[in-house]
């Protein structure tokens, strides 16, 4: 019996809650996973898993074995990868999860630059707005705008994504301009949930003063590109991430409104599982990401 392979199959089955999920992650068949698990239980002379038609979970003995071996398996992977890169390039697979807006605008260009320098790295970049479990979903890292609920992760702050209030020249001409924050409650407004308070008001700051502006969103969305297109067409005004509005502001398609006021910024963070030994390719990309983000217009690093 290949003990290491059996332990990998066992650990991934627990993390995914199914042999099918473990097989997909490890690139082997489900019958092969079953064989590894049966051999491992026979080897340790204990039942390690409780099986049902829809779910697999660890027994008490299984939990003990999993806690004792998971970090060791990750350390073995990291050591083997480290030996491989001593003679050359960083290589291996890297799974990255990012929120849709920042993933396409910021992370994707950094991924491409990283692969140009390290052509043996295979990256899977998944862009979606759902919350994930890094271990269960088998990601090496996640870039997100909110802190993960799990405490079993390492978090590195990447920066603060600035938001500004903007509108098209046509929109401003149509509504007669906006020189008072309270007017935001009387004109069509496009917003996202992240900038609104529980009372459905828009929080603006001016110096040390904070203002709660009652608003009635004309359009509500979770997509930054939808917000940008809504502003560009003159359909509404509203807050937008500065990194998405930069080009339109420069060429005059958008104008900043109420520039003396600031909209709540978004804290962008990098998270990765603390239960894993950080493989060289993960560390190399994380370091590149932290450095590259510093030069992105619209993200403030402090």
Protein backbone atom coordinates (compact mmCIF):
# COMPACT_ATOMS: atom_id res chain seq x y z
CA UNK A 1 0.00 0.00 0.00
CA UNK A 2 1.16 3.52 -0.84
CA UNK A 3 0.57 5.12 2.57
CA UNK A 4 1.11 8.68 1.35
CA UNK A 5 -1.37 8.29 -1.50
CA UNK A 6 -3.89 6.70 0.86
CA UNK A 7 -3.52 9.54 3.36
CA UNK A 8 -3.98 12.10 0.59
CA UNK A 9 -7.18 10.39 -0.51
CA UNK A 10 -8.37 10.22 3.10
CA UNK A 11 -7.62 13.89 3.89
CA UNK A 12 -9.24 15.19 0.72
CA UNK A 13 -12.32 13.03 1.26
CA UNK A 14 -12.81 14.59 4.69
CA UNK A 15 -12.24 18.12 3.36
CA UNK A 16 -14.70 17.67 0.48
CA UNK A 17 -17.16 15.48 2.35
CA UNK A 18 -17.34 13.02 -0.53
CA UNK A 19 -15.20 10.51 -2.38
CA UNK A 20 -16.37 11.94 -5.69
CA UNK A 21 -15.10 15.40 -4.79
CA UNK A 22 -11.80 13.99 -3.57
CA UNK A 23 -11.38 12.02 -6.79
CA UNK A 24 -11.97 15.14 -8.89
CA UNK A 25 -9.43 17.17 -6.89
CA UNK A 26 -6.76 14.45 -6.97
CA UNK A 27 -7.31 13.53 -10.60
CA UNK A 28 -8.05 9.86 -9.99
CA UNK A 29 -11.16 7.72 -10.21
CA UNK A 30 -13.72 7.32 -7.44
CA UNK A 31 -13.05 3.54 -7.23
CA UNK A 32 -9.36 4.37 -6.70
CA UNK A 33 -10.31 6.63 -3.78
CA UNK A 34 -12.45 3.83 -2.31
CA UNK A 35 -9.56 1.40 -2.60
CA UNK A 36 -7.15 3.81 -0.88
CA UNK A 37 -9.60 4.33 1.98
CA UNK A 38 -10.27 0.63 2.43
CA UNK A 39 -6.52 -0.11 2.46
CA UNK A 40 -5.91 2.65 4.99
CA UNK A 41 -8.63 1.43 7.36
CA UNK A 42 -7.26 -2.09 7.08
CA UNK A 43 -3.73 -0.81 7.76
CA UNK A 44 -4.66 1.12 10.92
CA UNK A 45 -7.25 -1.49 11.96
CA UNK A 46 -9.89 1.15 12.67
CA UNK A 47 -12.93 2.62 10.99
CA UNK A 48 -12.01 6.09 9.84
CA UNK A 49 -15.12 7.24 7.96
CA UNK A 50 -18.87 7.17 8.36
CA UNK A 51 -20.44 6.76 4.92
CA UNK A 52 -23.93 7.70 3.73
CA UNK A 53 -25.36 8.02 0.21
CA UNK A 54 -24.83 11.80 0.23
CA UNK A 55 -22.03 12.49 2.66
CA UNK A 56 -18.84 11.11 4.19
CA UNK A 57 -17.54 12.27 7.56
CA UNK A 58 -14.72 11.28 9.88
CA UNK A 59 -15.17 9.02 12.87
CA UNK A 60 -13.43 9.94 16.11
CA UNK A 61 -10.40 7.90 15.02
CA UNK A 62 -10.57 9.52 11.59
CA UNK A 63 -10.55 13.02 13.05
CA UNK A 64 -7.49 12.17 15.11
CA UNK A 65 -5.64 10.82 12.08
CA UNK A 66 -6.66 13.78 9.92
CA UNK A 67 -5.45 16.38 12.43
CA UNK A 68 -2.16 14.51 12.80
CA UNK A 69 -1.45 14.17 9.08
CA UNK A 70 -2.90 17.14 7.17
CA UNK A 71 -0.07 19.58 7.87
CA UNK A 72 2.49 16.83 7.25
CA UNK A 73 1.11 16.13 3.78
CA UNK A 74 1.22 19.82 2.93
CA UNK A 75 4.81 20.02 4.19
CA UNK A 76 5.79 17.07 1.99
CA UNK A 77 4.27 18.79 -1.06
CA UNK A 78 6.08 22.02 -0.25
CA UNK A 79 9.41 20.27 0.33
CA UNK A 80 9.18 18.37 -2.96
CA UNK A 81 8.26 21.52 -4.85
CA UNK A 82 11.08 23.40 -3.14
CA UNK A 83 13.59 20.77 -4.25
CA UNK A 84 12.32 20.98 -7.83
CA UNK A 85 12.70 24.75 -8.00
CA UNK A 86 16.23 24.76 -6.57
CA UNK A 87 17.49 23.93 -10.02
CA UNK A 88 15.26 26.28 -11.96
CA UNK A 89 11.86 27.83 -12.30
CA UNK A 90 8.94 28.02 -9.94
CA UNK A 91 6.33 25.54 -11.09
CA UNK A 92 3.15 23.77 -10.09
CA UNK A 93 -0.59 24.40 -9.98
CA UNK A 94 -2.09 27.44 -8.29
CA UNK A 95 -5.83 27.85 -7.63
CA UNK A 96 -6.91 31.43 -6.97
CA UNK A 97 -10.37 32.69 -6.04
CA UNK A 98 -11.25 36.36 -6.43
CA UNK A 99 -14.34 38.52 -6.45
CA UNK A 100 -15.52 39.20 -9.98
CA UNK A 101 -14.87 42.93 -10.15
CA UNK A 102 -11.31 43.01 -8.83
CA UNK A 103 -10.44 39.65 -10.37
CA UNK A 104 -10.87 40.73 -13.97
CA UNK A 105 -9.56 44.26 -13.54
CA UNK A 106 -6.59 43.72 -11.22
CA UNK A 107 -5.75 40.07 -10.57
CA UNK A 108 -5.91 38.77 -14.15
CA UNK A 109 -3.14 41.12 -15.47
CA UNK A 110 -0.92 40.15 -12.52
CA UNK A 111 -1.56 36.44 -13.24
CA UNK A 112 -0.48 36.90 -16.86
CA UNK A 113 2.71 38.74 -15.88
CA UNK A 114 3.52 36.05 -13.32
CA UNK A 115 3.11 33.28 -15.90
CA UNK A 116 5.35 35.10 -18.36
CA UNK A 117 8.10 34.95 -15.74
CA UNK A 118 7.20 31.40 -14.63
CA UNK A 119 5.82 29.52 -17.67
CA UNK A 120 5.68 26.20 -15.80
CA UNK A 121 3.02 27.51 -13.41
CA UNK A 122 -0.55 26.45 -14.21
CA UNK A 123 -3.10 28.83 -12.74
CA UNK A 124 -6.83 28.37 -12.28
CA UNK A 125 -8.41 31.78 -11.66
CA UNK A 126 -12.01 31.52 -10.47
CA UNK A 127 -14.01 34.76 -10.39
CA UNK A 128 -17.27 34.83 -8.45
CA UNK A 129 -18.82 36.75 -5.59
CA UNK A 130 -19.83 33.86 -3.32
CA UNK A 131 -18.11 33.21 -0.01
CA UNK A 132 -15.91 30.12 -0.09
CA UNK A 133 -14.17 27.75 2.30
CA UNK A 134 -10.55 27.73 1.15
CA UNK A 135 -9.89 24.17 2.33
CA UNK A 136 -13.20 22.61 1.29
CA UNK A 137 -13.17 24.31 -2.13
CA UNK A 138 -9.46 23.49 -2.57
CA UNK A 139 -8.12 26.99 -3.25
CA UNK A 140 -4.57 28.07 -2.48
CA UNK A 141 -5.62 31.67 -1.89
CA UNK A 142 -8.50 34.10 -2.16
CA UNK A 143 -8.64 37.84 -2.84
CA UNK A 144 -11.71 39.43 -1.35
CA UNK A 145 -13.27 42.62 0.03
CA UNK A 146 -14.42 41.18 3.34
CA UNK A 147 -12.74 39.22 6.09
CA UNK A 148 -13.34 35.44 5.92
CA UNK A 149 -15.49 34.15 8.74
CA UNK A 150 -13.18 31.20 9.34
CA UNK A 151 -10.43 31.81 11.88
CA UNK A 152 -8.24 29.11 10.33
CA UNK A 153 -6.76 31.38 7.67
CA UNK A 154 -3.86 33.76 7.30
CA UNK A 155 -4.85 37.26 6.15
CA UNK A 156 -2.66 39.88 4.46
CA UNK A 157 -4.08 43.31 3.75
CA UNK A 158 -3.47 44.34 0.13
CA UNK A 159 -4.91 47.85 0.29
CA UNK A 160 -8.04 49.97 0.32
CA UNK A 161 -10.08 50.25 -2.88
CA UNK A 162 -11.24 53.86 -3.18
CA UNK A 163 -14.80 54.71 -4.19
CA UNK A 164 -15.89 58.04 -5.63
CA UNK A 165 -19.20 59.61 -6.66
CA UNK A 166 -19.49 60.06 -10.42
CA UNK A 167 -21.94 60.85 -13.20
CA UNK A 168 -21.88 61.53 -16.93
CA UNK A 169 -21.97 65.13 -18.24
CA UNK A 170 -25.38 64.44 -19.85
CA UNK A 171 -26.81 63.23 -16.56
CA UNK A 172 -25.54 66.28 -14.67
CA UNK A 173 -26.98 68.62 -17.30
CA UNK A 174 -30.33 66.83 -17.10
CA UNK A 175 -30.63 67.07 -13.28
CA UNK A 176 -29.13 70.55 -13.04
CA UNK A 177 -25.90 69.47 -11.32
CA UNK A 178 -25.30 68.05 -7.86
CA UNK A 179 -23.74 70.47 -5.36
CA UNK A 180 -25.37 69.15 -2.17
CA UNK A 181 -25.18 65.56 -0.85
CA UNK A 182 -28.90 65.63 0.00
CA UNK A 183 -29.71 65.90 -3.70
CA UNK A 184 -28.51 62.28 -4.08
CA UNK A 185 -31.80 61.23 -2.52
CA UNK A 186 -33.78 63.00 -5.23
CA UNK A 187 -32.02 61.78 -8.39
CA UNK A 188 -31.62 58.32 -9.99
CA UNK A 189 -28.85 56.51 -8.12
CA UNK A 190 -27.04 53.23 -8.84
CA UNK A 191 -25.52 51.52 -5.80
CA UNK A 192 -24.14 48.31 -4.41
CA UNK A 193 -24.87 46.81 -1.00
CA UNK A 194 -21.34 47.45 0.25
CA UNK A 195 -21.80 51.22 0.35
CA UNK A 196 -25.22 51.34 1.99
CA UNK A 197 -25.92 51.27 5.72
CA UNK A 198 -28.55 48.90 7.16
CA UNK A 199 -30.95 51.85 7.11
CA UNK A 200 -30.49 52.20 3.35
CA UNK A 201 -28.55 55.44 3.60
CA UNK A 202 -25.30 56.35 1.88
CA UNK A 203 -22.42 57.15 4.24
CA UNK A 204 -20.20 60.04 3.16
CA UNK A 205 -17.30 61.56 5.05
CA UNK A 206 -15.89 65.07 4.85
CA UNK A 207 -12.83 65.53 6.99
CA UNK A 208 -13.78 64.26 10.44
CA UNK A 209 -17.50 64.60 9.76
CA UNK A 210 -19.70 61.71 8.72
CA UNK A 211 -22.97 62.21 6.89
CA UNK A 212 -25.79 59.72 6.43
CA UNK A 213 -27.60 60.57 3.20
CA UNK A 214 -31.06 58.99 2.74
CA UNK A 215 -31.25 57.51 -0.77
CA UNK A 216 -33.63 55.41 -2.84
CA UNK A 217 -31.47 53.43 -5.28
CA UNK A 218 -32.81 53.56 -8.82
CA UNK A 219 -30.72 50.48 -9.65
CA UNK A 220 -29.03 48.06 -7.25
CA UNK A 221 -26.29 45.67 -8.43
CA UNK A 222 -23.25 43.71 -7.25
CA UNK A 223 -21.28 44.13 -10.49
CA UNK A 224 -18.81 46.98 -11.00
CA UNK A 225 -19.08 46.83 -14.80
CA UNK A 226 -22.86 47.26 -14.56
CA UNK A 227 -22.32 50.34 -12.39
CA UNK A 228 -19.79 51.76 -14.86
CA UNK A 229 -22.05 51.23 -17.87
CA UNK A 230 -25.02 52.70 -15.99
CA UNK A 231 -23.01 55.85 -15.25
CA UNK A 232 -21.61 56.13 -18.78
CA UNK A 233 -25.04 55.95 -20.40
CA UNK A 234 -26.36 58.72 -18.15
CA UNK A 235 -28.94 56.39 -16.63
CA UNK A 236 -28.00 57.32 -13.05
CA UNK A 237 -25.24 58.68 -10.85
CA UNK A 238 -23.60 56.93 -7.93
CA UNK A 239 -20.52 55.56 -6.15
CA UNK A 240 -18.03 53.52 -8.15
CA UNK A 241 -14.61 52.01 -7.47
CA UNK A 242 -12.00 54.53 -8.63
CA UNK A 243 -10.02 51.86 -10.46
CA UNK A 244 -13.01 51.28 -12.79
CA UNK A 245 -13.74 54.96 -13.39
CA UNK A 246 -10.18 56.16 -14.02
CA UNK A 247 -10.15 56.13 -17.83
CA UNK A 248 -13.64 57.60 -18.15
CA UNK A 249 -12.72 60.44 -15.78
CA UNK A 250 -9.60 61.24 -17.77
CA UNK A 251 -11.36 61.40 -21.15
CA UNK A 252 -14.39 63.29 -19.80
CA UNK A 253 -17.03 60.60 -20.18
CA UNK A 254 -17.53 60.78 -16.42
CA UNK A 255 -17.19 63.60 -13.93
CA UNK A 256 -16.56 63.33 -10.24
CA UNK A 257 -19.36 64.83 -8.17
CA UNK A 258 -19.11 66.14 -4.60
CA UNK A 259 -15.30 65.72 -4.62
CA UNK A 260 -15.02 67.05 -1.09
CA UNK A 261 -16.84 63.97 0.18
CA UNK A 262 -15.46 60.44 0.41
CA UNK A 263 -17.40 57.21 0.00
CA UNK A 264 -16.65 54.21 2.18
CA UNK A 265 -13.62 52.38 0.73
CA UNK A 266 -13.33 48.60 0.47
CA UNK A 267 -10.56 46.73 2.29
CA UNK A 268 -8.99 44.24 -0.12
CA UNK A 269 -7.34 41.23 1.50
CA UNK A 270 -5.41 38.13 0.56
CA UNK A 271 -6.34 34.99 2.50
CA UNK A 272 -4.83 31.53 2.43
CA UNK A 273 -5.27 28.43 4.63
CA UNK A 274 -3.03 28.42 7.66
CA UNK A 275 -3.30 24.63 7.86
CA UNK A 276 -1.19 24.28 4.77
CA UNK A 277 2.54 24.74 4.45
CA UNK A 278 2.91 27.58 1.96
CA UNK A 279 4.30 26.08 -1.23
CA UNK A 280 6.97 28.13 -3.06
CA UNK A 281 4.65 28.92 -5.98
CA UNK A 282 2.01 30.22 -3.55
CA UNK A 283 4.53 32.34 -1.69
CA UNK A 284 6.01 33.69 -4.94
CA UNK A 285 2.62 34.75 -6.30
CA UNK A 286 1.51 36.23 -2.97
CA UNK A 287 4.67 38.35 -2.82
CA UNK A 288 4.18 39.45 -6.45
CA UNK A 289 0.55 40.34 -5.77
CA UNK A 290 1.37 42.45 -2.72
CA UNK A 291 4.01 44.36 -4.70
CA UNK A 292 2.00 44.84 -7.90
CA UNK A 293 -1.13 46.10 -6.14
CA UNK A 294 0.86 49.07 -4.82
CA UNK A 295 1.00 50.54 -8.33
CA UNK A 296 -2.69 50.09 -9.20
CA UNK A 297 -4.46 53.42 -9.51
CA UNK A 298 -7.45 53.53 -7.23
CA UNK A 299 -5.98 51.25 -4.55
CA UNK A 300 -4.35 52.89 -1.55
CA UNK A 301 -1.80 50.83 0.37
CA UNK A 302 -1.22 51.91 3.95
